[in-house]
Amino acid sequence: MAGTIGTGSVPRLLQEGVNKVFGNSLKEHDRKWDKMFSTNQSQKNFEVDVQLEGFNRASSKPEGDDITFDSRRQGFSPKYQHTTFAKGYIVTEEALEDELYGQLNDGAKALARVMNITKELEGAAIYNNGFDGTALMIDGDGLALFNTAHSNGPSGGTYSNRLTTDADFSEAALEDMLIQIQTVTDARGLPAALQAMKLIGAPNLCFEFQRVLGSVLQNDTGNNATNAVRDMNAVRDGFMTNPFLTDIDAWFLTTDAPEGMKYFTRRAVRFGQDNAFTSGNARFKADERYSFGWTDPRGAFGTPGA
C-alpha cells in the first residue's frame, strides 16, 4: 500500500541503542492567523454574508415641504465555502510491534504540527494572493482583495484599499496608507471612520517596523521631530511578522471594519485511529474543516511594494 510505514521504513528504530529520535515534533511559531482574521463558528456547509448599504446623507428640508425619503438595497453576498483538510499515516502491525521508541504510536504530535502549519498557510494565502485578479472571494465584488477600484455596491462609486502608487515600507508610505484608511468611505460615499489595527509583513521587515513604530523621535532623521505614528497610536495593536507570507516587499494594515477579514471553524481538528482487520495495519489521521476569506475588503489595506 502506497505510503505505508513498514519495518523497512524505520530500521534504526527497531534496534536498541538509539540515543535520541528527532523530527517527530518540532517547535512552532506563535499562532499568526488569528491575528489577521476575526474568528467565527459555523454549523452549516457554507456561510454567506450579505451587504446592506446604509442611507445617504440627510438633506435640508424647506419649510412646508415633505422630507426626502431614501432606500436601502442589498449588495454583494460573499460566500465562505468550508474545506476539509486532513492528513494521516498507516503503520504495519509488525512495525508497530517492533519499533522500540514509541515514535510511530505517538505520531499525533507530528500530525498536530502539520495541521497547524496548514492552517497558517491557508490564512497567509489570502494575503499572499491578495493582489491576484484570479484569487477572488466567491460572490464578492469580483476583484482581488487589494484593489484601487472596489465597488461600493448598488448605489455605485468606488473606494481603494491599496496604495495608489505601490511602495516599499517606509514611514512616509505608512503615513500614506494610514491617511487612506482614515479617509475611506462607506457604501454611500460617507466617511467610514476606520482605525488601523495591526501592521503585518514578512520577517525581513521586522526591524524596519520596529524602527518606524518604536522610535521615540522621527525615524532616520536628524530632526528633533516627534514620531507622529507612535504618539498618535495610529496603529492600535502594533505590528507582527508572519513567516508564511511569501512576498518580502508586501505589507499590510488590518482595520476595525466590523465585517472584514474572517475565519470560520466548521469542525475543529480531531484525531482518530483504527486498525484494519485483514492486515492488522494501524491507521492514524487528523482532520478539520474551515474557511478563510473576507467580507468587506476595508478590513485590510495593502501594497505589494514598489
Foldseek 3Di string as FASTA:
>chain_A
DPQAAECVNCVVLLDPDDDDDDDLADDDDDQDLCVQAPEAADQDQKDKDKDKADWADFDDDPPPGDGDDTDIDIWFIFMWGKDKDKDKGKYFQNNCVRRDPCSVVPSVNNRVVVVSVVVLLQSLVLVLCQQPQVDDGVRAQSGRLFDQFGFQTDVTDGHGQEPPDFAFDDLVVVVSNLVSLQATAHSNRHGPRKAWAEKEAAPVCVVVLCQLQPDQAHHPDPDRHGSVCNVVCRHVHGYDYRNSRDQRRKMKTFIPDPFFKHKYWNFDKDKDWDADPPRRMIMIMIMGMMGTDTDDSSRMGMHSHD
